[in-house]
Amino acid sequence: MADQVEFIEHLPSLPRRAADAHKGTFGRVLVVGGSRGMVGAVALASNAALRGGAGLVTFAAPEAVQLAAATLCPCATSVPLACGPDGELATEAVRQVRKAAEQADVLAVGPGLARGARQRDLVRLALEQERPVVLDADGLNNLAAIDGWPALRRCPLVLTPHPGEFSRLTGRGVADIQTDRQAAALAAARQWAEAAPTDPTLVLLLKGAGTIVTDGRRVRINRTGNPGMATGGSGDILTGLIAALVAQGMSPFDAAALGAHLHGRAGDLAAEQLSQPALVATDLLGSLPAALSEHVRQ
C-alpha cells in the first residue's frame, strides 16, 4: 500500500483578497445541526465558518433552539426547522434544508444534530445532492445507521471522525484502529470512494494525535495541536473551518489539510496564553485569525 501513496508536506494558502470583492465572492456555507441538548454546537461551527473566511453563513437548526443559537452567532442568518409537538424534527424540516441547500456552495452537517429518523433523512439528503459536504459529529453517527451509504453518495465529501465515530462507521474496534491509524484510514477512504456510483471526491480526516488526512491516494499527517484541545466543541470549530475553506474554492483535500493545521495552530496559540488545561472551544475562535494570517498569500 505504501508505494501507492503520495505523502504531502506542503500546505495551500488563501489568495489575497481583491479590493472589489463582495460577500458572494467568498462562498456560502450552510451548517445543519443543533438540538435541545446541544445548542452551542451549530453556533460554534457557524462562527468558525465565518472566522475561516466564508462570505455568508446560514445555519439550519430546530425551531426550539434556533433563536438561542442565533444569539451565539449574530453574524449568520438562520432557518428554524419545523418540529412536531414532541419537539422532534418534522418531515417538513427535510424540505426546508433541501431549499436552503440550493443557495449554498457547501454544506456542513452534524454539529449537535442528535440522532433519529429525520436526522438520518437529512444526512441522506446531503449525500444525494452534488454540493460539497463536510460531515461530523452526529452527522457521522447518523451516517453509520444508513445501510449502504457509500453507494448513495453523489457529493464531494469530507468525513471528520474521531476514533470512536470511525469505529461506528467501519465496525472495527478502536484499539484495532489506533494500532495502525494510517492503514485504517487509507483502507476506509479507498473502499468508500470506490463504492460511489459516480466519481466524486471523498476525503477522510481521522482525528487524534497526528490527525490523518487522506483521499486514499494522498496522505498528510498534521503536526499542530495539543491535548488541551480535547474539549467539547473543538470538533465543531474544525467542521466550520473546513467548510469555509471549501467555500472559498479549495479542493476538499486541501481544505481538510489546511483546516487541520489551522485548527491545531489556533489551539497552540491559545494554549500559549491560557494553558492547555484551561482551553475551551471558543478560545480557538479567538486564535484563528492569527493562525489564518500565516497562510494568506502576500
Protein backbone atom coordinates (compact mmCIF):
# COMPACT_ATOMS: atom_id res chain seq x y z
CA MET A 1 0.00 0.00 0.00
CA ALA A 2 2.81 2.42 0.86
CA ASP A 3 4.14 2.53 -2.73
CA GLN A 4 0.72 3.69 -3.94
CA VAL A 5 0.51 6.61 -1.54
CA GLU A 6 1.77 10.15 -2.02
CA PHE A 7 2.79 11.79 1.23
CA ILE A 8 2.00 15.51 1.23
CA GLU A 9 4.01 18.03 3.23
CA HIS A 10 3.12 21.38 1.72
CA LEU A 11 0.05 23.38 2.69
CA PRO A 12 -2.02 25.59 0.40
CA SER A 13 -2.55 29.28 1.07
CA LEU A 14 -5.55 31.52 0.58
CA PRO A 15 -5.13 34.24 -2.05
CA ARG A 16 -5.01 37.89 -1.08
CA ARG A 17 -8.50 39.35 -1.39
CA ALA A 18 -9.29 41.65 -4.29
CA ALA A 19 -10.29 45.21 -3.45
CA ASP A 20 -13.61 44.85 -5.30
CA ALA A 21 -14.60 41.56 -3.65
CA HIS A 22 -18.02 41.14 -2.04
CA LYS A 23 -19.75 38.64 0.26
CA GLY A 24 -20.64 36.29 -2.54
CA THR A 25 -17.02 36.11 -3.65
CA PHE A 26 -16.03 34.03 -0.64
CA GLY A 27 -18.75 31.43 -0.70
CA ARG A 28 -21.93 30.47 1.09
CA VAL A 29 -21.90 27.85 3.85
CA LEU A 30 -24.99 26.10 5.22
CA VAL A 31 -24.49 24.50 8.65
CA VAL A 32 -27.13 21.92 9.62
CA GLY A 33 -27.28 20.88 13.26
CA GLY A 34 -28.33 21.79 16.75
CA SER A 35 -30.73 20.20 19.21
CA ARG A 36 -32.10 20.97 22.66
CA GLY A 37 -29.13 19.50 24.45
CA MET A 38 -26.51 20.87 22.06
CA VAL A 39 -27.44 24.43 21.16
CA GLY A 40 -23.86 25.66 21.10
CA ALA A 41 -22.51 23.20 18.54
CA VAL A 42 -24.22 24.68 15.50
CA ALA A 43 -23.24 28.18 16.63
CA LEU A 44 -19.59 27.20 17.10
CA ALA A 45 -19.43 25.67 13.62
CA SER A 46 -21.12 28.72 12.10
CA ASN A 47 -18.79 31.14 13.87
CA ALA A 48 -15.80 29.09 12.70
CA ALA A 49 -17.05 29.23 9.11
CA LEU A 50 -17.22 32.99 9.39
CA ARG A 51 -13.79 33.24 11.04
CA GLY A 52 -12.46 30.93 8.35
CA GLY A 53 -13.39 33.45 5.69
CA ALA A 54 -16.75 32.36 4.29
CA GLY A 55 -18.65 35.34 2.94
CA LEU A 56 -22.09 34.20 4.02
CA VAL A 57 -23.10 31.60 6.60
CA THR A 58 -26.57 30.27 7.32
CA PHE A 59 -27.41 27.65 9.91
CA ALA A 60 -30.47 25.42 9.99
CA ALA A 61 -31.50 24.29 13.47
CA PRO A 62 -34.71 23.09 15.14
CA GLU A 63 -37.09 25.98 15.77
CA ALA A 64 -36.95 25.31 19.52
CA VAL A 65 -33.25 26.25 19.62
CA GLN A 66 -32.82 28.50 16.57
CA LEU A 67 -33.14 31.81 18.43
CA ALA A 68 -30.80 30.73 21.20
CA ALA A 69 -28.18 29.68 18.64
CA ALA A 70 -28.65 32.93 16.74
CA THR A 71 -27.71 34.94 19.83
CA LEU A 72 -24.43 32.99 19.93
CA CYS A 73 -23.75 33.62 16.25
CA PRO A 74 -25.11 37.07 15.34
CA CYS A 75 -23.30 37.32 12.00
CA ALA A 76 -25.06 34.28 10.48
CA THR A 77 -28.58 34.05 9.13
CA SER A 78 -30.67 31.07 10.19
CA VAL A 79 -33.50 28.75 9.25
CA PRO A 80 -35.83 27.48 12.01
CA LEU A 81 -36.54 23.83 11.19
CA ALA A 82 -40.06 22.60 11.76
CA CYS A 83 -40.65 20.31 14.74
CA GLY A 84 -43.58 18.21 15.90
CA PRO A 85 -45.44 18.59 19.21
CA ASP A 86 -42.81 16.41 20.88
CA GLY A 87 -40.04 18.80 19.85
CA GLU A 88 -38.52 16.34 17.39
CA LEU A 89 -37.75 17.34 13.82
CA ALA A 90 -40.73 17.08 11.48
CA THR A 91 -40.73 15.75 7.93
CA GLU A 92 -41.04 19.35 6.76
CA ALA A 93 -37.53 20.02 8.08
CA VAL A 94 -36.05 17.91 5.29
CA ARG A 95 -37.78 20.06 2.66
CA GLN A 96 -36.54 23.21 4.41
CA VAL A 97 -32.93 22.01 4.36
CA ARG A 98 -33.23 20.99 0.71
CA LYS A 99 -34.39 24.50 -0.16
CA ALA A 100 -31.68 26.17 1.92
CA ALA A 101 -29.01 23.96 0.33
CA GLU A 102 -29.92 25.32 -3.10
CA GLN A 103 -28.48 28.69 -2.02
CA ALA A 104 -25.26 27.24 -0.55
CA ASP A 105 -21.87 26.39 -2.02
CA VAL A 106 -21.01 23.86 0.70
CA LEU A 107 -22.89 22.07 3.49
CA ALA A 108 -21.56 21.32 6.98
CA VAL A 109 -23.82 18.71 8.58
CA GLY A 110 -23.81 17.25 12.06
CA PRO A 111 -22.76 19.61 14.88
CA GLY A 112 -25.22 18.96 17.71
CA LEU A 113 -27.69 17.33 15.31
CA ALA A 114 -28.74 14.44 17.61
CA ARG A 115 -29.81 11.06 16.23
CA GLY A 116 -33.10 9.86 14.79
CA ALA A 117 -35.10 9.11 11.67
CA ARG A 118 -35.39 12.72 10.47
CA GLN A 119 -31.71 13.32 11.17
CA ARG A 120 -30.85 10.31 9.02
CA ASP A 121 -33.07 11.76 6.29
CA LEU A 122 -31.06 15.00 6.45
CA VAL A 123 -27.77 13.14 6.14
CA ARG A 124 -29.14 11.11 3.22
CA LEU A 125 -30.28 14.33 1.55
CA ALA A 126 -26.79 15.77 1.92
CA LEU A 127 -25.20 12.67 0.38
CA GLU A 128 -27.55 12.57 -2.59
CA GLN A 129 -27.13 16.21 -3.68
CA GLU A 130 -24.00 17.38 -5.53
CA ARG A 131 -22.58 20.25 -3.45
CA PRO A 132 -19.54 19.53 -1.25
CA VAL A 133 -20.39 18.30 2.25
CA VAL A 134 -18.41 18.27 5.50
CA LEU A 135 -19.85 15.64 7.83
CA ASP A 136 -19.01 15.49 11.53
CA ALA A 137 -20.31 14.52 14.97
CA ASP A 138 -23.92 13.30 14.84
CA GLY A 139 -23.77 13.61 11.07
CA LEU A 140 -21.34 10.68 11.24
CA ASN A 141 -23.36 8.81 13.86
CA ASN A 142 -26.47 9.01 11.69
CA LEU A 143 -24.43 8.08 8.63
CA ALA A 144 -23.33 4.87 10.35
CA ALA A 145 -27.02 3.91 10.66
CA ILE A 146 -27.68 4.26 6.91
CA ASP A 147 -27.15 0.92 5.19
CA GLY A 148 -25.07 1.13 2.02
CA TRP A 149 -24.45 4.84 2.35
CA PRO A 150 -21.33 4.94 0.13
CA ALA A 151 -23.43 3.88 -2.86
CA LEU A 152 -25.87 6.75 -2.26
CA ARG A 153 -23.21 9.45 -2.43
CA ARG A 154 -23.10 11.97 -5.27
CA CYS A 155 -21.36 14.80 -3.43
CA PRO A 156 -17.71 15.57 -2.76
CA LEU A 157 -17.47 14.56 0.90
CA VAL A 158 -15.17 15.30 3.84
CA LEU A 159 -15.62 12.99 6.84
CA THR A 160 -14.03 14.13 10.12
CA PRO A 161 -14.43 11.30 12.67
CA HIS A 162 -12.62 10.76 15.94
CA PRO A 163 -11.66 7.10 16.53
CA GLY A 164 -14.99 6.27 18.20
CA GLU A 165 -17.01 7.62 15.29
CA PHE A 166 -14.66 5.92 12.85
CA SER A 167 -15.25 2.66 14.72
CA ARG A 168 -19.01 3.00 14.25
CA LEU A 169 -18.54 3.67 10.53
CA THR A 170 -16.19 0.73 9.92
CA GLY A 171 -17.23 -1.83 12.52
CA ARG A 172 -13.63 -2.08 13.69
CA GLY A 173 -12.61 -1.73 17.32
CA VAL A 174 -11.00 1.49 18.48
CA ALA A 175 -7.90 -0.34 19.73
CA ASP A 176 -7.51 -2.02 16.34
CA ILE A 177 -7.84 1.32 14.54
CA GLN A 178 -5.31 3.01 16.80
CA THR A 179 -2.76 0.24 16.20
CA ASP A 180 -2.25 1.49 12.62
CA ARG A 181 -4.26 4.64 12.09
CA GLN A 182 -2.81 5.39 8.67
CA ALA A 183 -3.58 1.97 7.22
CA ALA A 184 -7.10 2.04 8.65
CA ALA A 185 -7.77 5.50 7.20
CA LEU A 186 -6.40 4.64 3.77
CA ALA A 187 -8.37 1.42 3.52
CA ALA A 188 -11.66 3.06 4.51
CA ALA A 189 -11.18 6.07 2.23
CA ARG A 190 -10.49 3.81 -0.75
CA GLN A 191 -13.38 1.49 -0.02
CA TRP A 192 -15.91 4.29 0.42
CA ALA A 193 -14.71 6.25 -2.61
CA GLU A 194 -14.89 3.23 -4.91
CA ALA A 195 -18.48 2.47 -3.87
CA ALA A 196 -19.89 5.76 -5.16
CA PRO A 197 -21.91 5.46 -8.39
CA THR A 198 -20.10 8.44 -9.91
CA ASP A 199 -16.59 9.68 -9.10
CA PRO A 200 -16.92 12.48 -6.53
CA THR A 201 -14.07 13.12 -4.12
CA LEU A 202 -14.04 11.54 -0.66
CA VAL A 203 -11.63 12.81 1.99
CA LEU A 204 -11.24 11.23 5.40
CA LEU A 205 -9.81 13.22 8.31
CA LEU A 206 -9.15 10.86 11.21
CA LYS A 207 -8.74 12.97 14.34
CA GLY A 208 -6.23 12.34 17.06
CA ALA A 209 -2.58 12.99 17.85
CA GLY A 210 -1.18 13.26 14.34
CA THR A 211 -4.51 13.79 12.57
CA ILE A 212 -4.53 11.91 9.25
CA VAL A 213 -5.99 13.46 6.10
CA THR A 214 -6.34 11.14 3.11
CA ASP A 215 -8.32 10.63 -0.07
CA GLY A 216 -6.99 7.09 -0.47
CA ARG A 217 -4.14 8.24 -2.71
CA ARG A 218 -2.58 11.11 -0.79
CA VAL A 219 -1.84 11.37 2.91
CA ARG A 220 -0.97 14.32 5.09
CA ILE A 221 -0.18 13.97 8.79
CA ASN A 222 -0.96 17.07 10.82
CA ARG A 223 1.62 18.16 13.39
CA THR A 224 -0.10 21.09 15.08
CA GLY A 225 -2.39 20.92 18.13
CA ASN A 226 -2.12 19.85 21.75
CA PRO A 227 -4.06 17.86 24.40
CA GLY A 228 -5.80 20.99 25.64
CA MET A 229 -7.94 20.81 22.53
CA ALA A 230 -9.59 17.65 23.82
CA THR A 231 -12.61 19.64 24.94
CA GLY A 232 -16.27 19.81 23.90
CA GLY A 233 -16.92 21.90 20.81
CA SER A 234 -13.40 21.73 19.38
CA GLY A 235 -14.55 19.46 16.55
CA ASP A 236 -17.38 21.84 15.68
CA ILE A 237 -14.79 24.55 15.08
CA LEU A 238 -12.92 22.28 12.66
CA THR A 239 -16.12 21.44 10.77
CA GLY A 240 -16.99 25.08 10.13
CA LEU A 241 -13.42 25.97 9.24
CA ILE A 242 -13.06 23.24 6.61
CA ALA A 243 -16.43 24.20 5.10
CA ALA A 244 -15.29 27.82 4.84
CA LEU A 245 -12.10 26.84 3.02
CA VAL A 246 -14.05 24.70 0.55
CA ALA A 247 -16.50 27.58 0.03
CA GLN A 248 -13.56 29.82 -0.92
CA GLY A 249 -12.55 27.48 -3.70
CA MET A 250 -10.15 24.99 -2.12
CA SER A 251 -10.38 21.32 -3.04
CA PRO A 252 -11.76 19.10 -0.28
CA PHE A 253 -8.32 17.55 0.33
CA ASP A 254 -6.54 20.91 0.55
CA ALA A 255 -9.29 22.34 2.75
CA ALA A 256 -9.10 19.39 5.14
CA ALA A 257 -5.29 19.52 5.28
CA LEU A 258 -5.12 23.28 5.84
CA GLY A 259 -8.13 23.19 8.17
CA ALA A 260 -6.49 20.59 10.40
CA HIS A 261 -3.29 22.62 10.51
CA LEU A 262 -5.04 25.92 11.27
CA HIS A 263 -7.26 24.31 13.90
CA GLY A 264 -4.24 22.87 15.68
CA ARG A 265 -2.25 26.06 15.28
CA ALA A 266 -5.08 28.08 16.80
CA GLY A 267 -5.09 25.63 19.71
CA ASP A 268 -1.34 26.02 20.15
CA LEU A 269 -1.57 29.81 20.14
CA ALA A 270 -4.43 29.74 22.64
CA ALA A 271 -2.56 27.32 24.92
CA GLU A 272 0.46 29.64 24.99
CA GLN A 273 -1.75 32.33 26.51
CA LEU A 274 -4.17 30.30 28.59
CA SER A 275 -2.51 26.92 29.31
CA GLN A 276 -3.70 23.60 27.95
CA PRO A 277 -5.99 22.68 30.88
CA ALA A 278 -7.86 25.98 30.62
CA LEU A 279 -8.66 25.76 26.91
CA VAL A 280 -12.29 25.81 25.75
CA ALA A 281 -13.52 25.69 22.18
CA THR A 282 -14.33 29.39 21.94
CA ASP A 283 -10.65 30.14 22.62
CA LEU A 284 -9.89 28.57 19.24
CA LEU A 285 -12.16 31.11 17.56
CA GLY A 286 -10.14 33.90 19.14
CA SER A 287 -6.85 32.45 17.87
CA LEU A 288 -7.99 31.53 14.36
CA PRO A 289 -7.29 34.99 12.87
CA ALA A 290 -3.62 34.84 13.87
CA ALA A 291 -3.30 31.26 12.61
CA LEU A 292 -5.03 32.10 9.33
CA SER A 293 -2.88 35.19 8.71
CA GLU A 294 0.13 32.89 8.39
CA HIS A 295 -1.43 31.28 5.31
CA VAL A 296 -2.65 34.20 3.23
CA ARG A 297 -0.54 34.84 0.14
CA GLN A 298 1.33 38.12 0.27
